[in-house]
Protein backbone atom coordinates (compact mmCIF):
# COMPACT_ATOMS: atom_id res chain seq x y z
CA MET A 1 109.94 68.50 82.85
CA GLY A 2 110.27 71.08 80.07
CA GLN A 3 110.04 74.01 82.47
CA PHE A 4 112.52 72.32 84.82
CA LEU A 5 115.08 71.96 82.03
CA LYS A 6 114.62 75.62 81.05
CA THR A 7 115.18 76.72 84.64
CA LEU A 8 118.25 74.50 84.93
CA ALA A 9 119.68 75.81 81.66
CA ARG A 10 119.27 79.40 82.80
CA GLN A 11 121.31 78.60 85.90
CA LEU A 12 124.11 76.79 84.08
CA LEU A 13 124.52 78.61 80.75
CA PRO A 14 125.58 82.21 80.11
CA HIS A 15 122.44 84.35 79.86
CA GLY A 16 122.86 85.37 76.21
CA ILE A 17 123.52 81.83 74.96
CA CYS A 18 120.63 80.48 76.99
CA GLU A 19 118.11 83.04 75.72
CA TYR A 20 119.28 82.62 72.12
CA SER A 21 118.79 78.87 72.43
CA PHE A 22 115.25 79.29 73.74
CA ARG A 23 114.34 81.72 70.95
CA ARG A 24 115.73 79.35 68.31
CA HIS A 25 113.84 76.40 69.81
CA ASP A 26 110.60 78.40 69.83
CA TYR A 27 110.98 79.33 66.16
CA ILE A 28 111.59 75.68 65.25
CA ARG A 29 108.52 74.71 67.28
CA MET A 30 106.52 77.23 65.21
CA GLY A 31 107.46 75.32 62.06
CA LEU A 32 110.50 77.22 60.80
CA GLY A 33 113.55 75.44 59.41
CA ARG A 34 116.65 75.22 61.61
CA SER A 35 118.70 77.58 59.48
CA GLU A 36 116.01 80.28 59.38
CA ALA A 37 115.31 79.81 63.09
CA SER A 38 119.01 80.24 63.89
CA TRP A 39 119.12 83.52 61.98
CA LEU A 40 115.90 84.97 63.40
CA ALA A 41 116.88 84.02 66.96
CA LEU A 42 119.75 86.52 66.82
CA SER A 43 117.27 89.37 67.34
CA PRO A 44 115.68 89.53 70.82
CA ARG A 45 113.59 92.51 69.70
CA GLN A 46 112.04 90.68 66.77
CA TYR A 47 111.27 87.68 68.95
CA GLN A 48 109.58 89.97 71.49
CA CYS A 49 107.39 91.38 68.71
CA VAL A 50 106.35 87.84 67.78
CA CYS A 51 105.51 87.14 71.43
CA ASP A 52 103.58 90.41 71.78
CA ALA A 53 101.54 89.33 68.76
CA ARG A 54 100.89 86.00 70.56
CA LEU A 55 102.07 84.07 67.51
CA HIS A 56 104.31 81.94 69.73
CA LEU A 57 101.17 80.68 71.50
CA LEU A 58 99.82 79.01 68.36
CA PRO A 59 100.55 75.33 67.67
CA ARG A 60 102.94 74.33 64.90
CA GLU A 61 99.98 72.79 63.06
CA ILE A 62 98.76 76.34 62.42
CA THR A 63 101.95 78.36 61.95
CA SER A 64 103.82 75.89 59.75
CA SER A 65 101.49 76.55 56.80
CA LEU A 66 99.61 79.85 56.73
CA ARG A 67 97.03 80.69 54.13
CA THR A 68 94.75 83.69 54.73
CA CYS A 69 95.20 85.62 57.99
CA VAL A 70 92.87 88.36 59.27
CA ASP A 71 94.07 91.23 61.45
CA ALA A 72 90.82 92.77 62.76
CA GLY A 73 91.30 95.88 64.85
CA ALA A 74 94.73 96.36 63.33
CA ASN A 75 95.47 99.66 65.08
CA GLU A 76 98.98 100.68 63.89
CA GLY A 77 99.66 97.34 62.19
CA THR A 78 102.14 95.89 64.69
CA TRP A 79 100.48 92.46 64.64
CA THR A 80 100.72 92.21 60.86
CA ASP A 81 104.31 93.49 61.01
CA ALA A 82 105.23 90.72 63.45
CA LEU A 83 103.45 88.10 61.33
CA LEU A 84 105.25 89.11 58.12
CA SER A 85 108.63 89.40 59.85
CA VAL A 86 108.68 85.64 60.41
CA PHE A 87 106.01 83.93 58.31
CA ARG A 88 104.88 83.99 54.67
CA PRO A 89 101.08 83.80 54.63
CA GLU A 90 99.37 83.71 51.25
CA ARG A 91 97.16 86.67 52.12
CA VAL A 92 96.60 89.10 55.01
CA MET A 93 93.37 91.06 55.40
CA VAL A 94 93.96 94.08 57.65
CA VAL A 95 90.72 95.55 59.00
CA GLU A 96 90.63 98.98 60.66
CA CYS A 97 88.06 101.80 60.71
CA GLU A 98 89.62 104.40 63.02
CA PRO A 99 90.06 107.42 60.66
CA ARG A 100 93.30 108.43 62.39
CA LEU A 101 94.86 105.05 61.59
CA VAL A 102 93.64 103.87 58.17
CA ASP A 103 95.88 105.99 55.91
CA PRO A 104 99.03 105.43 58.03
CA LEU A 105 98.27 101.69 57.89
CA ARG A 106 98.09 101.74 54.11
CA THR A 107 101.38 103.62 53.94
CA ARG A 108 103.07 101.26 56.39
CA LEU A 109 101.93 98.07 54.65
CA ASN A 110 101.94 99.24 51.04
CA SER A 111 105.14 97.35 50.20
CA PHE A 112 103.59 93.94 50.95
CA PRO A 113 101.67 92.58 47.90
CA CYS A 114 99.88 89.97 50.02
CA VAL A 115 98.30 92.61 52.30
CA GLU A 116 94.93 94.31 51.77
CA VAL A 117 93.84 97.11 54.12
CA ILE A 118 90.05 97.26 54.54
CA ASP A 119 88.55 100.50 55.84
CA ALA A 120 85.69 99.09 57.91
CA ALA A 121 84.75 97.87 61.36
CA LEU A 122 84.39 94.13 61.73
CA ALA A 123 80.96 93.78 63.30
CA GLU A 124 77.87 91.62 63.69
CA SER A 125 76.45 92.67 60.30
CA ASP A 126 77.00 94.87 57.26
CA GLY A 127 75.93 98.51 57.36
CA MET A 128 76.92 101.75 59.06
CA ALA A 129 77.48 102.51 62.76
CA THR A 130 78.65 105.18 65.18
CA PHE A 131 82.27 104.74 66.21
CA HIS A 132 83.40 106.20 69.55
CA GLN A 133 86.88 107.75 69.28
CA LEU A 134 89.04 107.74 72.41
CA ARG A 135 92.04 109.98 72.92
CA HIS A 136 94.17 106.85 72.67
CA PRO A 137 93.10 105.36 69.29
CA ALA A 138 93.68 101.78 70.44
CA GLY A 139 90.67 102.07 72.76
CA SER A 140 88.22 103.43 70.17
CA SER A 141 85.20 101.17 69.71
CA LEU A 142 81.76 100.59 68.24
CA LEU A 143 80.66 100.28 71.87
CA LYS A 144 80.45 103.21 74.25
CA PRO A 145 83.25 103.13 76.85
CA ARG A 146 82.24 102.75 80.50
CA THR A 147 83.13 105.73 82.67
CA ASP A 148 83.80 103.58 85.75
CA ILE A 149 86.79 101.84 84.10
CA VAL A 150 88.69 105.04 83.38
CA ARG A 151 90.69 104.92 86.62
CA GLU A 152 92.16 101.56 85.60
CA PHE A 153 93.99 103.13 82.65
CA ALA A 154 96.59 105.83 82.10
CA VAL A 155 95.44 109.42 82.57
CA ASN A 156 93.95 111.06 79.44
CA SER A 157 93.70 107.80 77.49
CA TRP A 158 90.09 106.70 78.07
CA ASP A 159 88.16 109.93 77.42
CA VAL A 160 85.96 110.11 74.31
CA ILE A 161 87.05 112.90 71.95
CA GLY A 162 84.60 112.35 69.09
CA GLU A 163 82.14 110.15 67.22
CA VAL A 164 82.24 109.26 63.52
CA SER A 165 80.13 107.15 61.20
CA VAL A 166 81.96 104.07 59.89
CA LYS A 167 81.24 101.19 57.56
CA LYS A 168 80.56 97.78 59.14
CA ILE A 169 81.33 94.41 57.63
CA SER A 170 80.45 90.97 58.97
CA TYR A 171 83.07 88.24 59.23
CA ASP A 172 81.16 85.97 56.87
CA ARG A 173 81.08 88.73 54.25
CA LEU A 174 84.76 89.60 54.80
CA VAL A 175 86.05 86.06 54.19
CA ALA A 176 83.36 84.88 51.78
CA LYS A 177 85.93 84.20 49.02
CA GLU A 178 88.59 82.65 51.27
CA ALA A 179 88.93 78.86 51.22
CA GLU A 180 90.64 78.86 54.62
CA VAL A 181 91.50 81.38 57.33
CA SER A 182 94.53 80.16 59.25
CA ILE A 183 94.45 82.89 61.91
CA LEU A 184 91.75 85.38 62.86
CA LYS A 185 93.27 87.98 65.20
CA LEU A 186 90.37 89.79 66.84
CA ASP A 187 91.01 92.90 68.94
CA ILE A 188 87.99 95.15 68.41
CA GLN A 189 87.47 96.58 71.87
CA GLY A 190 84.43 94.78 73.24
CA ALA A 191 82.64 94.06 69.95
CA GLU A 192 84.06 90.53 69.61
CA MET A 193 80.91 88.75 70.79
CA GLY A 194 78.77 90.31 68.06
CA VAL A 195 81.22 89.26 65.34
CA LEU A 196 81.66 85.68 66.55
CA SER A 197 78.04 84.93 67.46
CA ASN A 198 76.79 86.09 64.06
CA SER A 199 79.30 84.13 61.98
CA THR A 200 78.60 80.69 60.56
CA GLU A 201 80.41 79.90 57.30
CA GLY A 202 83.34 82.19 58.07
CA LEU A 203 84.20 80.61 61.40
CA GLN A 204 83.72 77.13 59.96
CA ARG A 205 86.60 77.88 57.58
CA THR A 206 88.77 79.36 60.37
CA LYS A 207 91.43 77.23 62.07
CA SER A 208 92.44 79.49 64.97
CA VAL A 209 91.40 82.71 66.70
CA ILE A 210 93.54 85.07 68.78
CA VAL A 211 91.08 87.20 70.72
CA GLU A 212 91.40 89.79 73.46
CA VAL A 213 89.30 88.76 76.48
CA THR A 214 88.38 91.01 79.40
CA PHE A 215 87.95 90.11 83.06
CA THR A 216 86.12 93.31 83.99
CA PRO A 217 83.72 95.32 81.79
CA HIS A 218 85.35 98.01 79.62
CA TYR A 219 82.44 99.06 77.40
CA GLU A 220 78.66 99.18 77.67
CA ASN A 221 77.15 95.80 76.75
CA ASP A 222 80.51 94.12 76.16
CA SER A 223 81.17 90.46 76.97
CA GLY A 224 83.74 89.03 79.33
CA PHE A 225 85.95 85.97 79.15
CA ALA A 226 83.32 83.55 80.48
CA GLU A 227 80.74 84.45 77.82
CA LEU A 228 83.26 84.39 74.98
CA HIS A 229 84.69 81.07 76.15
CA ARG A 230 81.25 79.43 76.11
CA LEU A 231 80.55 80.85 72.65
CA MET A 232 83.84 79.59 71.24
CA ALA A 233 83.09 76.11 72.54
CA GLN A 234 79.68 76.23 70.83
CA LYS A 235 81.41 77.27 67.60
CA GLY A 236 83.75 74.25 67.73
CA PHE A 237 86.90 75.81 69.20
CA GLY A 238 88.88 74.87 72.30
CA LEU A 239 91.12 77.09 74.41
CA TYR A 240 94.74 76.31 73.54
CA ARG A 241 96.72 79.01 75.36
CA LEU A 242 96.06 82.13 77.47
CA SER A 243 98.57 84.98 77.82
CA SER A 244 99.50 86.53 81.15
CA PRO A 245 96.76 88.99 82.21
CA TYR A 246 97.44 92.72 82.00
CA ASP A 247 97.07 94.81 85.13
CA ARG A 248 98.25 98.16 86.43
CA GLY A 249 98.94 96.95 89.95
CA ALA A 250 95.33 96.17 90.84
CA ARG A 251 92.80 93.77 89.30
CA ALA A 252 93.43 91.74 86.13
CA LEU A 253 91.95 93.68 83.22
CA TYR A 254 92.42 91.62 80.08
CA ALA A 255 94.49 88.95 78.34
CA ASP A 256 94.76 87.33 74.92
CA ALA A 257 93.21 83.90 74.40
CA VAL A 258 94.20 81.52 71.62
CA TYR A 259 91.44 79.22 70.39
CA VAL A 260 92.00 76.36 67.96
CA ARG A 261 89.57 74.10 66.11
CA GLU A 262 88.71 71.07 68.26
CA GLY A 263 89.64 68.71 65.44
CA ILE A 264 93.18 70.09 65.48
CA LEU A 265 93.40 70.08 69.28
CA GLN A 266 92.40 66.43 69.45
CA LYS A 267 95.38 65.51 67.27
CA LEU A 268 97.72 67.34 69.67
CA ILE A 269 96.83 65.16 72.65
CA PRO A 270 99.91 63.04 73.52
CA VAL A 271 99.48 59.29 73.38
CA ASN A 272 100.11 57.54 76.68
CA VAL A 273 102.37 54.50 76.34
């Protein structure tokens, strides 16, 4: 019924008014007050940034009261930017080890007292590791990229241009002093399985996880959606939402999955009357 009403509204209302109304409704659903939602909804660009960060896919029970948030694999910091443009988390831990990105990240986020930039790779354990640098920094990884996937991406983006030694930190160690992690955003190019499978206390204090999942192998020894989904269920999380898959006109390559603690999901089930 909800989708039907949206489709009907788009047919009957002027496009701008209709889209503004949907943006405002989405912000209210995320836990924002009506006045703030009305103001934020004026900017289509800002709303698109929130959607690109997949924050609109989280339930109100998460977004209405944010404590610590972790941005692992922060890249240029766009996810944290989107988070802080709308919400007021108590603390944001931004984790990035790509040497080309760490200093620009610190400069970009320096004005936010609640943000800490951590120069390390979130991994299965503490220590040091070889980090494979791709021409496009967003694809750099602790895992070695597969050569057979290169044709699925833009030209000159998937080739390895160097290797550097980086510090590793486990998730349990990273959040050892945090009473609660409201959101763990995990986009670490194939190394997600190692982080999640080796975490116990950290994940137990985590309420939701936004994780990139792949449908075809990208790196040597990476894990696909099926393996990650089984692991998340074992760790006490259920799949709440899945973004539209990304493709370049051929097979589906990857998407973003939103997992939420089962105890929270059970409270979201509507009561039949």
